Protein backbone atom coordinates (compact mmCIF):
# COMPACT_ATOMS: atom_id res chain seq x y z
CA MET A 1 0.00 0.00 0.00
CA ASN A 2 2.98 2.35 0.37
CA HIS A 3 3.09 3.02 -3.37
CA LEU A 4 -0.59 3.98 -3.24
CA TYR A 5 -0.09 6.54 -0.48
CA GLY A 6 2.94 7.92 -2.29
CA HIS A 7 1.00 8.34 -5.48
CA LEU A 8 -1.89 9.98 -3.65
CA SER A 9 0.54 12.44 -2.07
CA ALA A 10 1.97 13.27 -5.48
CA ARG A 11 -1.52 13.69 -6.83
CA PHE A 12 -2.39 16.08 -4.04
CA ILE A 13 0.67 18.22 -4.74
CA LYS A 14 0.05 18.35 -8.48
CA THR A 15 -3.65 19.07 -8.09
CA ARG A 16 -3.49 21.63 -5.30
CA LEU A 17 -0.06 23.20 -5.33
CA LEU A 18 1.27 23.20 -8.88
CA PRO A 19 0.00 24.94 -12.02
CA GLY A 20 -1.35 22.75 -14.78
CA GLY A 21 -3.13 20.32 -12.47
CA ASP A 22 -6.14 20.35 -14.79
CA SER A 23 -4.20 18.34 -17.38
CA LEU A 24 -3.88 15.31 -15.12
CA LEU A 25 -5.34 12.00 -16.17
CA PRO A 26 -7.91 10.50 -13.77
CA MET A 27 -6.84 8.35 -10.85
CA LYS A 28 -10.30 6.75 -10.69
CA LEU A 29 -12.43 5.51 -13.56
CA THR A 30 -16.04 4.48 -13.07
CA VAL A 31 -17.02 2.07 -15.83
CA ALA A 32 -20.48 0.93 -16.84
CA SER A 33 -19.20 -2.07 -18.75
CA THR A 34 -22.61 -3.04 -20.10
CA PHE A 35 -26.21 -1.89 -19.96
CA LEU A 36 -27.42 -5.48 -19.90
CA CYS A 37 -29.33 -6.09 -16.70
CA ASN A 38 -31.39 -8.94 -15.26
CA HIS A 39 -33.34 -6.71 -12.83
CA GLN A 40 -35.90 -3.96 -13.33
CA CYS A 41 -35.05 -1.54 -10.53
CA THR A 42 -37.41 1.26 -9.60
CA ILE A 43 -34.47 3.63 -8.98
CA CYS A 44 -32.78 3.02 -12.33
CA GLY A 45 -33.79 2.93 -16.01
CA ILE A 46 -30.86 0.96 -17.44
CA TRP A 47 -32.79 -2.31 -17.67
CA ALA A 48 -35.14 -0.83 -20.31
CA ILE A 49 -32.42 0.23 -22.77
CA TYR A 50 -32.00 -3.04 -24.65
CA ARG A 51 -35.64 -3.92 -24.26
CA ASP A 52 -36.47 -0.81 -26.28
CA ALA A 53 -33.41 -0.82 -28.59
CA PRO A 54 -31.78 -4.28 -28.67
CA GLY A 55 -29.50 -3.31 -31.54
CA LYS A 56 -27.56 -0.90 -29.33
CA LEU A 57 -25.88 -3.83 -27.62
CA LYS A 58 -23.59 -4.12 -30.67
CA GLU A 59 -22.25 -0.61 -29.97
CA GLU A 60 -20.60 -1.55 -26.67
CA LEU A 61 -16.83 -1.29 -26.40
CA THR A 62 -14.81 -4.32 -27.44
CA LEU A 63 -11.95 -5.95 -25.58
CA GLU A 64 -9.54 -4.20 -27.95
CA ASP A 65 -11.18 -0.82 -27.21
CA TYR A 66 -10.65 -1.33 -23.49
CA GLY A 67 -7.03 -2.30 -24.09
CA ARG A 68 -6.37 1.09 -25.72
CA VAL A 69 -8.14 2.94 -22.89
CA PHE A 70 -6.07 1.28 -20.18
CA GLU A 71 -2.85 1.80 -22.12
CA GLU A 72 -3.53 5.55 -22.00
CA LEU A 73 -4.29 5.42 -18.29
CA LYS A 74 -1.38 3.18 -17.33
CA GLU A 75 0.47 5.88 -15.37
CA SER A 76 -2.51 7.42 -13.59
CA LEU A 77 -5.12 4.83 -12.68
CA LEU A 78 -5.25 3.83 -9.01
CA PHE A 79 -8.87 2.77 -8.61
CA LEU A 80 -11.28 1.08 -10.99
CA ASP A 81 -15.00 1.16 -10.15
CA TRP A 82 -16.77 -1.50 -12.20
CA GLY A 83 -20.51 -1.66 -12.70
CA GLY A 84 -23.30 -1.69 -15.26
CA GLY A 85 -26.11 -2.61 -15.80
CA GLU A 86 -25.14 -5.88 -14.24
CA PRO A 87 -21.39 -6.25 -14.92
CA PHE A 88 -21.34 -10.03 -14.64
CA MET A 89 -23.65 -10.29 -17.66
CA ARG A 90 -20.68 -9.34 -19.82
CA ASN A 91 -18.94 -12.61 -20.75
CA ASP A 92 -15.49 -11.06 -21.23
CA MET A 93 -15.50 -9.11 -18.00
CA ALA A 94 -12.56 -11.05 -16.51
CA ALA A 95 -10.54 -10.53 -19.68
CA ILE A 96 -11.18 -6.76 -19.60
CA LEU A 97 -10.13 -6.50 -15.95
CA ARG A 98 -7.04 -8.57 -16.72
CA LEU A 99 -6.07 -6.04 -19.39
CA ALA A 100 -6.56 -3.18 -16.92
CA ILE A 101 -4.33 -4.76 -14.28
CA GLN A 102 -1.60 -5.69 -16.75
CA ALA A 103 -1.50 -2.20 -18.29
CA CYS A 104 -2.06 -0.01 -15.21
CA THR A 105 0.90 -0.80 -13.00
CA ARG A 106 -0.25 1.54 -10.20
CA LEU A 107 -3.74 0.09 -10.01
CA SER A 108 -4.40 -0.88 -6.40
CA SER A 109 -8.12 -1.49 -6.03
CA VAL A 110 -10.96 -2.82 -8.17
CA VAL A 111 -14.47 -2.20 -6.88
CA ILE A 112 -17.25 -4.23 -8.49
CA THR A 113 -20.89 -3.50 -7.74
CA THR A 114 -23.32 -6.28 -8.58
CA ASN A 115 -26.91 -7.22 -7.88
CA GLY A 116 -25.62 -10.67 -6.94
CA PHE A 117 -28.12 -12.62 -9.03
CA LEU A 118 -25.60 -14.70 -11.03
CA THR A 119 -24.11 -16.35 -7.97
CA SER A 120 -22.00 -19.10 -9.57
CA ARG A 121 -20.53 -16.82 -12.24
CA ILE A 122 -19.71 -14.15 -9.66
CA LEU A 123 -17.94 -16.57 -7.32
CA ASP A 124 -15.96 -18.18 -10.16
CA THR A 125 -14.89 -14.84 -11.63
CA VAL A 126 -13.97 -13.11 -8.37
CA GLY A 127 -12.21 -16.17 -6.99
CA GLY A 128 -10.16 -16.61 -10.17
CA LEU A 129 -9.16 -12.94 -10.44
CA ALA A 130 -8.27 -12.66 -6.74
CA GLU A 131 -5.99 -15.68 -7.03
CA GLU A 132 -4.42 -14.45 -10.28
CA PHE A 133 -3.79 -10.93 -8.97
CA PRO A 134 -3.09 -11.14 -5.22
CA HIS A 135 -1.70 -7.58 -5.10
CA ILE A 136 -5.08 -6.11 -6.09
CA ARG A 137 -7.74 -5.38 -3.47
CA TRP A 138 -11.01 -6.77 -4.81
CA ALA A 139 -13.91 -4.95 -3.14
CA ILE A 140 -17.20 -6.54 -4.13
CA GLY A 141 -20.35 -4.64 -3.27
CA ILE A 142 -23.61 -6.60 -3.44
CA SER A 143 -26.67 -4.40 -3.71
CA LEU A 144 -29.08 -5.00 -0.84
CA ASP A 145 -31.58 -2.30 0.00
CA GLY A 146 -33.75 -3.79 2.72
CA ASP A 147 -35.45 -6.94 3.89
CA GLU A 148 -36.70 -9.46 1.37
CA PRO A 149 -40.02 -7.77 0.42
CA THR A 150 -38.41 -4.32 0.22
CA HIS A 151 -35.40 -5.44 -1.78
CA ASP A 152 -37.40 -7.52 -4.25
CA ALA A 153 -39.80 -4.61 -4.79
CA VAL A 154 -36.99 -2.08 -5.37
CA ARG A 155 -35.16 -4.47 -7.70
CA GLY A 156 -38.28 -5.50 -9.59
CA LYS A 157 -37.19 -9.14 -9.43
CA PRO A 158 -38.68 -12.02 -7.45
CA SER A 159 -35.96 -13.92 -5.55
CA ALA A 160 -33.50 -11.03 -5.95
CA PHE A 161 -32.96 -11.00 -2.18
CA LYS A 162 -32.33 -14.75 -1.91
CA ALA A 163 -29.81 -14.67 -4.75
CA ALA A 164 -27.99 -11.66 -3.30
CA VAL A 165 -27.74 -13.34 0.11
CA ALA A 166 -26.39 -16.55 -1.44
CA THR A 167 -23.75 -14.50 -3.27
CA ILE A 168 -22.79 -12.64 -0.09
CA GLN A 169 -22.35 -15.92 1.77
CA GLY A 170 -20.32 -17.42 -1.08
CA LEU A 171 -18.04 -14.38 -1.34
CA ARG A 172 -17.48 -14.31 2.41
CA ALA A 173 -16.39 -17.94 2.25
CA LEU A 174 -13.96 -17.00 -0.55
CA ALA A 175 -12.65 -14.10 1.54
CA THR A 176 -11.63 -16.49 4.32
CA ARG A 177 -9.22 -18.07 1.82
CA ARG A 178 -8.18 -14.95 -0.09
CA ASN A 179 -7.29 -11.96 2.07
CA ASN A 180 -7.44 -9.59 -0.91
CA ILE A 181 -11.23 -9.99 -1.22
CA GLU A 182 -13.43 -7.56 0.68
CA VAL A 183 -17.18 -8.17 0.74
CA LYS A 184 -19.49 -5.21 1.24
CA ILE A 185 -23.21 -4.58 1.17
CA SER A 186 -24.04 -1.72 -1.20
CA TYR A 187 -27.00 0.03 0.43
CA THR A 188 -28.79 2.94 -1.21
CA LEU A 189 -30.66 5.28 1.13
CA CYS A 190 -33.85 5.83 -0.82
CA SER A 191 -37.56 6.54 -0.46
CA ALA A 192 -38.31 2.80 -0.28
CA ASN A 193 -36.16 2.16 2.80
CA ALA A 194 -35.68 5.53 4.51
CA GLY A 195 -35.85 5.26 8.30
CA ARG A 196 -35.53 1.47 8.30
CA PHE A 197 -31.80 0.81 8.57
CA GLU A 198 -31.93 -0.19 12.23
CA ALA A 199 -34.44 -2.92 11.37
CA PHE A 200 -32.28 -3.95 8.40
CA HIS A 201 -29.29 -4.19 10.74
CA HIS A 202 -31.09 -6.51 13.16
CA GLU A 203 -33.16 -8.53 10.69
CA VAL A 204 -30.71 -8.95 7.80
CA LEU A 205 -27.13 -7.99 8.66
CA LYS A 206 -26.78 -9.68 12.05
CA PRO A 207 -28.17 -13.06 10.89
CA LEU A 208 -25.58 -12.93 8.09
CA GLY A 209 -22.82 -12.21 10.61
CA LEU A 210 -22.36 -8.69 9.25
CA ALA A 211 -22.08 -5.32 10.98
CA ALA A 212 -22.87 -1.75 9.95
CA GLY A 213 -19.17 -1.41 9.12
CA ASP A 214 -19.65 -3.97 6.35
CA VAL A 215 -22.03 -1.65 4.49
CA GLY A 216 -21.15 0.94 1.89
CA PHE A 217 -23.75 3.68 1.53
CA ASN A 218 -25.04 5.87 -1.22
CA LEU A 219 -27.91 8.30 -1.58
CA GLU A 220 -30.60 7.82 -4.19
CA HIS A 221 -30.02 10.15 -7.14
CA THR A 222 -31.22 10.46 -10.66
CA GLY A 223 -28.71 11.05 -13.43
CA ASN A 224 -26.64 9.69 -16.27
CA LEU A 225 -25.41 6.47 -14.68
CA PHE A 226 -28.97 5.46 -13.85
CA GLN A 227 -30.34 6.46 -17.27
CA THR A 228 -33.00 8.69 -15.73
CA ASP A 229 -34.22 11.89 -17.29
CA THR A 230 -32.94 14.44 -14.80
CA ALA A 231 -29.91 14.86 -12.59
CA GLY A 232 -29.65 15.58 -8.88
CA MET A 233 -31.61 14.37 -5.91
CA LYS A 234 -34.36 11.83 -6.55
CA THR A 235 -37.88 13.03 -5.84
CA VAL A 236 -39.16 11.03 -2.90
CA GLY A 237 -42.55 10.03 -4.22
CA HIS A 238 -45.00 8.81 -1.60
CA VAL A 239 -43.46 10.75 1.31
CA SER A 240 -42.90 14.48 1.70
CA GLU A 241 -39.40 15.91 1.45
CA ASP A 242 -39.46 16.77 5.15
CA GLN A 243 -40.45 13.19 6.04
CA PHE A 244 -37.73 11.81 3.78
CA ARG A 245 -35.04 14.04 5.32
CA ALA A 246 -36.13 13.11 8.84
CA ALA A 247 -36.13 9.39 8.03
CA VAL A 248 -32.68 9.54 6.41
CA LYS A 249 -31.28 11.45 9.39
CA LYS A 250 -32.65 8.77 11.68
CA ASP A 251 -30.77 6.16 9.64
CA ILE A 252 -27.57 8.19 9.63
CA ASP A 253 -27.64 8.77 13.39
CA TYR A 254 -28.04 5.04 13.94
CA ILE A 255 -25.26 4.14 11.49
CA LEU A 256 -22.81 6.60 13.04
CA HIS A 257 -23.63 5.27 16.52
CA GLN A 258 -22.88 1.75 15.32
CA ASN A 259 -19.61 2.93 13.77
CA ARG A 260 -18.52 4.29 17.15
CA THR A 261 -19.46 1.15 19.09
CA GLU A 262 -18.12 -1.49 16.69
CA LYS A 263 -14.57 -2.61 17.40
CA LEU A 264 -12.35 -1.62 14.50
CA GLY A 265 -8.59 -1.70 14.09
CA VAL A 266 -6.65 1.43 13.16
CA SER A 267 -6.42 0.44 9.49
CA GLN A 268 -10.18 -0.18 9.35
CA ARG A 269 -10.83 3.22 10.90
CA LEU A 270 -8.61 4.94 8.37
CA LYS A 271 -10.30 3.15 5.49
CA SER A 272 -13.77 3.99 6.70
CA PHE A 273 -13.33 7.66 7.64
CA TYR A 274 -14.62 8.82 4.25
CA ARG A 275 -17.87 6.96 4.91
CA GLU A 276 -18.48 9.03 8.04
CA PHE A 277 -17.56 12.19 6.15
CA PHE A 278 -20.05 11.27 3.43
CA LEU A 279 -22.88 10.32 5.81
CA ARG A 280 -22.53 13.31 8.12
CA ARG A 281 -23.05 15.71 5.24
CA ILE A 282 -26.14 14.09 3.73
CA PRO A 283 -28.62 16.08 5.88
CA GLY A 284 -27.00 19.36 4.86
CA TYR A 285 -27.10 18.36 1.21
CA LEU A 286 -30.77 17.38 1.43
CA ALA A 287 -31.57 20.70 3.08
CA ASP A 288 -29.88 22.64 0.27
CA PRO A 289 -29.30 20.34 -2.75
CA LYS A 290 -28.38 23.27 -5.00
CA LYS A 291 -25.22 24.04 -3.00
CA MET A 292 -22.02 22.05 -3.54
CA VAL A 293 -20.86 20.45 -0.27
CA ILE A 294 -17.13 20.52 -1.12
CA PRO A 295 -15.35 21.68 -4.30
CA CYS A 296 -15.74 18.80 -6.75
CA GLN A 297 -12.85 17.19 -8.64
CA ALA A 298 -15.00 15.31 -11.18
CA SER A 299 -13.39 15.34 -14.66
CA ARG A 300 -10.00 15.75 -12.95
CA ASN A 301 -9.60 13.02 -10.34
CA SER A 302 -12.31 10.84 -11.86
CA LEU A 303 -14.31 10.16 -15.00
CA TYR A 304 -17.30 8.06 -15.97
CA LEU A 305 -17.11 5.79 -19.02
CA ASP A 306 -20.33 4.38 -20.48
CA PRO A 307 -20.52 1.07 -22.40
CA TYR A 308 -20.27 2.86 -25.77
CA GLY A 309 -17.02 4.67 -25.00
CA ASN A 310 -18.50 8.03 -24.10
CA LEU A 311 -16.66 9.89 -21.36
CA TYR A 312 -18.52 12.07 -18.86
CA PRO A 313 -17.24 14.16 -15.97
CA CYS A 314 -19.18 12.06 -13.47
CA ILE A 315 -21.98 9.54 -13.13
CA THR A 316 -24.62 12.21 -12.60
CA TRP A 317 -24.13 14.79 -15.34
CA ASN A 318 -25.20 13.85 -18.85
CA ARG A 319 -22.58 16.13 -20.40
CA ARG A 320 -20.56 14.17 -22.93
CA LEU A 321 -16.88 15.13 -23.13
CA GLY A 322 -16.04 12.88 -26.07
CA ASN A 323 -15.42 9.24 -26.96
CA VAL A 324 -12.44 7.13 -25.94
CA ARG A 325 -12.14 5.79 -29.49
CA ASP A 326 -10.71 9.23 -30.26
CA GLY A 327 -8.26 8.87 -27.37
CA VAL A 328 -8.68 9.67 -23.69
CA LYS A 329 -5.95 12.31 -23.74
CA THR A 330 -7.51 13.95 -26.79
CA VAL A 331 -10.87 14.16 -25.03
CA LEU A 332 -9.36 15.62 -21.85
CA ALA A 333 -7.42 18.24 -23.81
CA SER A 334 -10.55 19.42 -25.62
CA ALA A 335 -12.30 22.76 -25.25
CA GLU A 336 -15.41 20.88 -24.08
CA THR A 337 -13.54 19.37 -21.13
CA GLU A 338 -12.00 22.72 -20.21
CA LYS A 339 -15.43 24.38 -20.31
CA THR A 340 -16.94 21.56 -18.24
CA ARG A 341 -14.30 21.94 -15.54
CA LYS A 342 -14.96 25.66 -15.31
CA LEU A 343 -18.69 24.98 -14.96
CA ILE A 344 -18.00 22.51 -12.14
CA ASP A 345 -15.74 25.03 -10.40
CA GLY A 346 -18.55 27.58 -10.67
CA GLU A 347 -21.14 25.12 -9.31
CA LYS A 348 -22.99 25.24 -12.63
CA CYS A 349 -23.30 21.45 -12.80
CA PRO A 350 -26.14 19.30 -11.40
CA ILE A 351 -25.09 19.37 -7.76
CA CYS A 352 -24.96 15.92 -6.19
CA TRP A 353 -23.70 14.12 -3.11
CA ASN A 354 -22.80 10.76 -4.56
CA ALA A 355 -20.16 8.53 -2.98
CA CYS A 356 -18.74 7.64 -6.40
CA GLU A 357 -17.67 11.27 -6.81
CA VAL A 358 -17.16 12.29 -3.18
CA ILE A 359 -14.42 9.76 -2.47
CA PRO A 360 -12.00 10.67 -5.32
CA THR A 361 -12.63 14.35 -4.58
CA LEU A 362 -11.87 13.92 -0.88
CA LEU A 363 -8.63 12.02 -1.56
CA THR A 364 -6.93 15.20 -2.78
CA SER A 365 -8.89 17.65 -0.64
CA TRP A 366 -7.39 19.86 2.06
CA ARG A 367 -10.06 18.33 4.31
CA MET A 368 -8.80 14.76 4.13
CA PRO A 369 -6.08 14.78 6.87
CA GLY A 370 -8.37 16.53 9.35
CA CYS A 371 -11.29 14.21 8.55
CA ALA A 372 -9.15 11.12 9.04
CA LEU A 373 -7.80 12.40 12.35
CA TRP A 374 -11.29 13.36 13.55
CA SER A 375 -12.55 9.88 12.68
CA LEU A 376 -9.76 8.20 14.63
CA LEU A 377 -10.22 10.38 17.71
CA HIS A 378 -14.02 10.01 17.85
CA ARG A 379 -14.22 6.24 18.17
C-alpha cells in the first residue's frame, strides 16, 4: 500500500499546489461495462435500454477498445470502479479486468458493484481474479436495499434477495481463503427504505454475521449512470421531502452510533473515515441540494465511461466530453472538457452528493487529513 499513499501524495501536490493540475489523467475511472441487466429496478432505467433498442448492444466497447483505454491510463489509474447494468452479464469481464491490471501498473483497487443474481458466475470470476492478482484489493459490493419484500420490490425481481444473500455468503467464504477480497453490502438510502436501517441491521445484517461497518452507503439520485431523465436528488414520491429528510437522518444517526461502538482496528478506521464524512453531510445536502458540499474534482480526479465509450465528468451529469475511441488524452485536452471543468468550479453542474464522486474528490482535498484524524479520535 505504500506506493498507493505515495502516489496519492503526489496527486495532491500536483492538483493543489502546482499549475497545470487540470491536465492530469484520472486516478479513478467508473465504468459501466454493459447496460445489460437482469433486474428492473425502480431507482434506475438501465434495464429498459435493450428492451427498447436491442440493436444498441452491438455498440458496446470491445476488448480491444478497453485495451487502448487502459494503455492511455497506465500511469494514472489507481482505482477502478466496475458496474453496469449488471457487470457479470458481460462474458469477457474477466478478460477486460485482466487487461486493466496488466496495463495499469499503479492500479491498487478494483471495486465491483453487482446485484448478486448470477451467484455461480460471480464466485468463479472473483475467486479466479483474486488468485491471479493477489496484489489487487477486490472490493465486491452486493446491492441489498432492505429486507426481502423491500429489496425484491426495489429491484423488480422475485428472488433477488435470496440470490444476493447466497452471493454474499459465497463471497465471504472466498474471503476467508483470499485476504485480498473484501465483501461489502451496497445500500442505497432511498424513499423505499428511509428510516428502516436499524431494522435492516437486526433482521438482515446480524443473521448474516455482518455489521454496519460492512455496508457501503449511497444516496438515491437520478442522473446519467442510472439512465433517468434528470440529474440531482431523486424526488421522494409517496413521502414528503421533510419526512424523507427526517427518516434519512434517523438512519444516519443510527449508522454513526454503530460505527462508534463497533470494534475496529486502526487500518479499518482509516479506510472507513470517508464513509463518516459522506454520511454526516447528507442532511446538509438534502436541506440545500443546490449548493455544492465541497469543491468537486470530477473530470480531474475521476471520469465516468459508459458502455459505448462516451466519457462524462461524473456519473450524474449527462454532459458528454467525447469518446475514448478518439483517445482519452484527446478528449481531456478538448475545449469541451476545459469548459466543463470551469462549470463545475462555478457550481454550474447538477449538484450531487454521490459517494462515487465524493471519495475521489476527498482524496486530494485539504479536508482529508483533518477528517481522518477526527474519525480516529471520535471512536
